[in-house]
Amino acid sequence: MSTAPGRRGQGLARTTGSAAVAHALAAGLRPQWRARATRSRQVALALGFREFGTRLSIGPG
């Protein structure tokens, strides 16, 4: 998800993420959170996710 710069720090990502996780759990799914951005990782940790691994992406050039 992405939050507009002027709306950051209001808990919108945490609220939206929490609702998405609850919806997934209610459907019998196992939620996963994949993030590149530091802020997104912070939200995931705040929601109770644990870092399991990392992924390295390398582009040409």
PDB file of N, CA and C in Angstrom:
ATOM      1  N   MET A   1       0.838  -1.156   0.000  1.00  0.00           N
ATOM      2  CA  MET A   1       0.000   0.000   0.000  1.00  0.00           C
ATOM      3  C   MET A   1       0.887   1.223   0.000  1.00  0.00           C
ATOM      4  N   SER A   2       0.331   2.335  -0.340  1.00  0.00           N
ATOM      5  CA  SER A   2       1.088   3.583  -0.386  1.00  0.00           C
ATOM      6  C   SER A   2       0.250   4.678   0.255  1.00  0.00           C
ATOM      7  N   THR A   3       0.904   5.490   1.061  1.00  0.00           N
ATOM      8  CA  THR A   3       0.218   6.589   1.733  1.00  0.00           C
ATOM      9  C   THR A   3       0.778   7.907   1.215  1.00  0.00           C
ATOM     10  N   ALA A   4      -0.093   8.829   0.877  1.00  0.00           N
ATOM     11  CA  ALA A   4       0.337  10.142   0.395  1.00  0.00           C
ATOM     12  C   ALA A   4       1.195  10.816   1.461  1.00  0.00           C
ATOM     13  N   PRO A   5       2.262  11.486   1.057  1.00  0.00           N
ATOM     14  CA  PRO A   5       3.162  12.110   2.024  1.00  0.00           C
ATOM     15  C   PRO A   5       2.458  12.984   3.068  1.00  0.00           C
ATOM     16  N   GLY A   6       1.459  13.721   2.673  1.00  0.00           N
ATOM     17  CA  GLY A   6       0.764  14.602   3.603  1.00  0.00           C
ATOM     18  C   GLY A   6      -0.136  13.879   4.598  1.00  0.00           C
ATOM     19  N   ARG A   7      -0.357  12.582   4.375  1.00  0.00           N
ATOM     20  CA  ARG A   7      -1.246  11.799   5.252  1.00  0.00           C
ATOM     21  C   ARG A   7      -0.479  10.783   6.104  1.00  0.00           C
ATOM     22  N   ARG A   8       0.839  10.750   5.963  1.00  0.00           N
ATOM     23  CA  ARG A   8       1.639   9.791   6.725  1.00  0.00           C
ATOM     24  C   ARG A   8       1.643  10.146   8.205  1.00  0.00           C
ATOM     25  N   GLY A   9       1.838   9.123   9.013  1.00  0.00           N
ATOM     26  CA  GLY A   9       1.909   9.337  10.455  1.00  0.00           C
ATOM     27  C   GLY A   9       0.562   9.392  11.144  1.00  0.00           C
ATOM     28  N   GLN A  10      -0.515   9.062  10.428  1.00  0.00           N
ATOM     29  CA  GLN A  10      -1.862   9.115  10.995  1.00  0.00           C
ATOM     30  C   GLN A  10      -2.415   7.718  11.287  1.00  0.00           C
ATOM     31  N   GLY A  11      -1.608   6.702  11.054  1.00  0.00           N
ATOM     32  CA  GLY A  11      -2.054   5.341  11.325  1.00  0.00           C
ATOM     33  C   GLY A  11      -2.880   4.709  10.221  1.00  0.00           C
ATOM     34  N   LEU A  12      -2.928   5.323   9.051  1.00  0.00           N
ATOM     35  CA  LEU A  12      -3.752   4.791   7.959  1.00  0.00           C
ATOM     36  C   LEU A  12      -3.239   3.436   7.465  1.00  0.00           C
ATOM     37  N   ALA A  13      -1.939   3.304   7.286  1.00  0.00           N
ATOM     38  CA  ALA A  13      -1.375   2.033   6.814  1.00  0.00           C
ATOM     39  C   ALA A  13      -1.581   0.942   7.854  1.00  0.00           C
ATOM     40  N   ARG A  14      -1.417   1.286   9.101  1.00  0.00           N
ATOM     41  CA  ARG A  14      -1.603   0.300  10.166  1.00  0.00           C
ATOM     42  C   ARG A  14      -3.065  -0.155  10.233  1.00  0.00           C
ATOM     43  N   THR A  15      -3.989   0.788  10.101  1.00  0.00           N
ATOM     44  CA  THR A  15      -5.415   0.450  10.134  1.00  0.00           C
ATOM     45  C   THR A  15      -5.800  -0.414   8.940  1.00  0.00           C
ATOM     46  N   THR A  16      -5.349  -0.021   7.755  1.00  0.00           N
ATOM     47  CA  THR A  16      -5.655  -0.775   6.541  1.00  0.00           C
ATOM     48  C   THR A  16      -5.007  -2.155   6.573  1.00  0.00           C
ATOM     49  N   GLY A  17      -3.752  -2.201   6.981  1.00  0.00           N
ATOM     50  CA  GLY A  17      -3.047  -3.478   7.076  1.00  0.00           C
ATOM     51  C   GLY A  17      -3.696  -4.413   8.071  1.00  0.00           C
ATOM     52  N   SER A  18      -4.111  -3.875   9.199  1.00  0.00           N
ATOM     53  CA  SER A  18      -4.777  -4.680  10.221  1.00  0.00           C
ATOM     54  C   SER A  18      -6.077  -5.279   9.687  1.00  0.00           C
ATOM     55  N   ALA A  19      -6.839  -4.482   8.957  1.00  0.00           N
ATOM     56  CA  ALA A  19      -8.094  -4.970   8.378  1.00  0.00           C
ATOM     57  C   ALA A  19      -7.824  -6.057   7.337  1.00  0.00           C
ATOM     58  N   ALA A  20      -6.794  -5.879   6.532  1.00  0.00           N
ATOM     59  CA  ALA A  20      -6.457  -6.878   5.514  1.00  0.00           C
ATOM     60  C   ALA A  20      -6.031  -8.196   6.160  1.00  0.00           C
ATOM     61  N   VAL A  21      -5.247  -8.111   7.222  1.00  0.00           N
ATOM     62  CA  VAL A  21      -4.812  -9.316   7.933  1.00  0.00           C
ATOM     63  C   VAL A  21      -6.015 -10.030   8.547  1.00  0.00           C
ATOM     64  N   ALA A  22      -6.898  -9.279   9.185  1.00  0.00           N
ATOM     65  CA  ALA A  22      -8.095  -9.873   9.794  1.00  0.00           C
ATOM     66  C   ALA A  22      -8.952 -10.562   8.739  1.00  0.00           C
ATOM     67  N   HIS A  23      -9.096  -9.932   7.583  1.00  0.00           N
ATOM     68  CA  HIS A  23      -9.886 -10.508   6.488  1.00  0.00           C
ATOM     69  C   HIS A  23      -9.252 -11.817   6.003  1.00  0.00           C
ATOM     70  N   ALA A  24      -7.938 -11.812   5.837  1.00  0.00           N
ATOM     71  CA  ALA A  24      -7.240 -13.018   5.382  1.00  0.00           C
ATOM     72  C   ALA A  24      -7.386 -14.155   6.394  1.00  0.00           C
ATOM     73  N   LEU A  25      -7.214 -13.841   7.669  1.00  0.00           N
ATOM     74  CA  LEU A  25      -7.339 -14.870   8.705  1.00  0.00           C
ATOM     75  C   LEU A  25      -8.754 -15.438   8.755  1.00  0.00           C
ATOM     76  N   ALA A  26      -9.752 -14.567   8.614  1.00  0.00           N
ATOM     77  CA  ALA A  26     -11.148 -15.016   8.629  1.00  0.00           C
ATOM     78  C   ALA A  26     -11.452 -15.936   7.450  1.00  0.00           C
ATOM     79  N   ALA A  27     -10.719 -15.753   6.358  1.00  0.00           N
ATOM     80  CA  ALA A  27     -10.912 -16.589   5.171  1.00  0.00           C
ATOM     81  C   ALA A  27     -10.058 -17.853   5.216  1.00  0.00           C
ATOM     82  N   GLY A  28      -9.351 -18.053   6.329  1.00  0.00           N
ATOM     83  CA  GLY A  28      -8.517 -19.243   6.467  1.00  0.00           C
ATOM     84  C   GLY A  28      -7.191 -19.159   5.737  1.00  0.00           C
ATOM     85  N   LEU A  29      -6.773 -17.951   5.404  1.00  0.00           N
ATOM     86  CA  LEU A  29      -5.515 -17.757   4.687  1.00  0.00           C
ATOM     87  C   LEU A  29      -4.385 -17.440   5.661  1.00  0.00           C
ATOM     88  N   ARG A  30      -3.171 -17.574   5.189  1.00  0.00           N
ATOM     89  CA  ARG A  30      -1.994 -17.225   5.979  1.00  0.00           C
ATOM     90  C   ARG A  30      -1.425 -15.914   5.427  1.00  0.00           C
ATOM     91  N   PRO A  31      -1.618 -14.820   6.139  1.00  0.00           N
ATOM     92  CA  PRO A  31      -1.153 -13.528   5.631  1.00  0.00           C
ATOM     93  C   PRO A  31       0.371 -13.455   5.546  1.00  0.00           C
ATOM     94  N   GLN A  32       0.834 -12.795   4.512  1.00  0.00           N
ATOM     95  CA  GLN A  32       2.260 -12.511   4.341  1.00  0.00           C
ATOM     96  C   GLN A  32       2.403 -11.032   4.041  1.00  0.00           C
ATOM     97  N   TRP A  33       3.516 -10.467   4.434  1.00  0.00           N
ATOM     98  CA  TRP A  33       3.775  -9.050   4.174  1.00  0.00           C
ATOM     99  C   TRP A  33       5.123  -8.970   3.492  1.00  0.00           C
ATOM    100  N   ARG A  34       5.141  -8.473   2.292  1.00  0.00           N
ATOM    101  CA  ARG A  34       6.393  -8.313   1.548  1.00  0.00           C
ATOM    102  C   ARG A  34       6.627  -6.825   1.352  1.00  0.00           C
ATOM    103  N   ALA A  35       7.782  -6.378   1.780  1.00  0.00           N
ATOM    104  CA  ALA A  35       8.024  -4.935   1.765  1.00  0.00           C
ATOM    105  C   ALA A  35       9.455  -4.618   1.377  1.00  0.00           C
ATOM    106  N   ARG A  36       9.605  -3.548   0.634  1.00  0.00           N
ATOM    107  CA  ARG A  36      10.926  -3.002   0.348  1.00  0.00           C
ATOM    108  C   ARG A  36      11.172  -1.763   1.190  1.00  0.00           C
ATOM    109  N   ALA A  37      10.142  -0.976   1.343  1.00  0.00           N
ATOM    110  CA  ALA A  37      10.286   0.309   2.030  1.00  0.00           C
ATOM    111  C   ALA A  37      10.408   0.118   3.541  1.00  0.00           C
ATOM    112  N   THR A  38      11.237   0.930   4.148  1.00  0.00           N
ATOM    113  CA  THR A  38      11.433   0.862   5.595  1.00  0.00           C
ATOM    114  C   THR A  38      10.140   1.116   6.343  1.00  0.00           C
ATOM    115  N   ARG A  39       9.363   2.087   5.918  1.00  0.00           N
ATOM    116  CA  ARG A  39       8.100   2.386   6.605  1.00  0.00           C
ATOM    117  C   ARG A  39       7.150   1.195   6.571  1.00  0.00           C
ATOM    118  N   SER A  40       7.084   0.539   5.442  1.00  0.00           N
ATOM    119  CA  SER A  40       6.205  -0.619   5.313  1.00  0.00           C
ATOM    120  C   SER A  40       6.650  -1.742   6.244  1.00  0.00           C
ATOM    121  N   ARG A  41       7.941  -1.940   6.356  1.00  0.00           N
ATOM    122  CA  ARG A  41       8.456  -2.960   7.270  1.00  0.00           C
ATOM    123  C   ARG A  41       8.100  -2.612   8.706  1.00  0.00           C
ATOM    124  N   GLN A  42       8.161  -1.342   9.048  1.00  0.00           N
ATOM    125  CA  GLN A  42       7.811  -0.908  10.404  1.00  0.00           C
ATOM    126  C   GLN A  42       6.339  -1.187  10.698  1.00  0.00           C
ATOM    127  N   VAL A  43       5.479  -0.953   9.723  1.00  0.00           N
ATOM    128  CA  VAL A  43       4.050  -1.236   9.898  1.00  0.00           C
ATOM    129  C   VAL A  43       3.848  -2.736  10.105  1.00  0.00           C
ATOM    130  N   ALA A  44       4.501  -3.543   9.293  1.00  0.00           N
ATOM    131  CA  ALA A  44       4.367  -4.995   9.419  1.00  0.00           C
ATOM    132  C   ALA A  44       4.803  -5.472  10.803  1.00  0.00           C
ATOM    133  N   LEU A  45       5.910  -4.978  11.279  1.00  0.00           N
ATOM    134  CA  LEU A  45       6.384  -5.365  12.610  1.00  0.00           C
ATOM    135  C   LEU A  45       5.397  -4.930  13.684  1.00  0.00           C
ATOM    136  N   ALA A  46       4.816  -3.749  13.529  1.00  0.00           N
ATOM    137  CA  ALA A  46       3.833  -3.252  14.499  1.00  0.00           C
ATOM    138  C   ALA A  46       2.577  -4.123  14.517  1.00  0.00           C
ATOM    139  N   LEU A  47       2.277  -4.771  13.390  1.00  0.00           N
ATOM    140  CA  LEU A  47       1.100  -5.637  13.302  1.00  0.00           C
ATOM    141  C   LEU A  47       1.394  -7.067  13.768  1.00  0.00           C
ATOM    142  N   GLY A  48       2.626  -7.318  14.167  1.00  0.00           N
ATOM    143  CA  GLY A  48       2.968  -8.633  14.694  1.00  0.00           C
ATOM    144  C   GLY A  48       3.687  -9.562  13.737  1.00  0.00           C
ATOM    145  N   PHE A  49       3.990  -9.086  12.531  1.00  0.00           N
ATOM    146  CA  PHE A  49       4.750  -9.908  11.604  1.00  0.00           C
ATOM    147  C   PHE A  49       6.195  -9.988  12.080  1.00  0.00           C
ATOM    148  N   ARG A  50       6.857 -11.089  11.734  1.00  0.00           N
ATOM    149  CA  ARG A  50       8.273 -11.257  12.024  1.00  0.00           C
ATOM    150  C   ARG A  50       9.017 -11.380  10.705  1.00  0.00           C
ATOM    151  N   GLU A  51      10.201 -10.800  10.652  1.00  0.00           N
ATOM    152  CA  GLU A  51      10.988 -10.892   9.423  1.00  0.00           C
ATOM    153  C   GLU A  51      11.516 -12.317   9.284  1.00  0.00           C
ATOM    154  N   PHE A  52      11.213 -12.918   8.155  1.00  0.00           N
ATOM    155  CA  PHE A  52      11.576 -14.306   7.903  1.00  0.00           C
ATOM    156  C   PHE A  52      12.774 -14.419   6.975  1.00  0.00           C
ATOM    157  N   GLY A  53      12.904 -13.483   6.067  1.00  0.00           N
ATOM    158  CA  GLY A  53      13.993 -13.535   5.108  1.00  0.00           C
ATOM    159  C   GLY A  53      14.070 -12.242   4.326  1.00  0.00           C
ATOM    160  N   THR A  54      15.003 -12.176   3.436  1.00  0.00           N
ATOM    161  CA  THR A  54      15.157 -10.997   2.590  1.00  0.00           C
ATOM    162  C   THR A  54      15.263 -11.448   1.140  1.00  0.00           C
ATOM    163  N   ARG A  55      15.040 -10.498   0.260  1.00  0.00           N
ATOM    164  CA  ARG A  55      15.118 -10.768  -1.167  1.00  0.00           C
ATOM    165  C   ARG A  55      15.985  -9.693  -1.793  1.00  0.00           C
ATOM    166  N   LEU A  56      16.891 -10.086  -2.635  1.00  0.00           N
ATOM    167  CA  LEU A  56      17.780  -9.160  -3.313  1.00  0.00           C
ATOM    168  C   LEU A  56      17.375  -9.076  -4.778  1.00  0.00           C
ATOM    169  N   SER A  57      17.127  -7.866  -5.253  1.00  0.00           N
ATOM    170  CA  SER A  57      16.796  -7.652  -6.661  1.00  0.00           C
ATOM    171  C   SER A  57      17.923  -6.858  -7.301  1.00  0.00           C
ATOM    172  N   ILE A  58      18.419  -7.351  -8.412  1.00  0.00           N
ATOM    173  CA  ILE A  58      19.508  -6.681  -9.114  1.00  0.00           C
ATOM    174  C   ILE A  58      19.059  -6.427 -10.543  1.00  0.00           C
ATOM    175  N   GLY A  59      19.193  -5.179 -10.967  1.00  0.00           N
ATOM    176  CA  GLY A  59      18.813  -4.820 -12.324  1.00  0.00           C
ATOM    177  C   GLY A  59      20.031  -4.692 -13.223  1.00  0.00           C
ATOM    178  N   PRO A  60      19.803  -4.627 -14.519  1.00  0.00           N
ATOM    179  CA  PRO A  60      20.914  -4.478 -15.457  1.00  0.00           C
ATOM    180  C   PRO A  60      21.593  -3.123 -15.304  1.00  0.00           C
ATOM    181  N   GLY A  61      22.870  -3.095 -15.650  1.00  0.00           N
ATOM    182  CA  GLY A  61      23.591  -1.829 -15.685  1.00  0.00           C
ATOM    183  C   GLY A  61      24.385  -1.575 -14.504  1.00  0.00           C
TER     184      GLY A  61
END
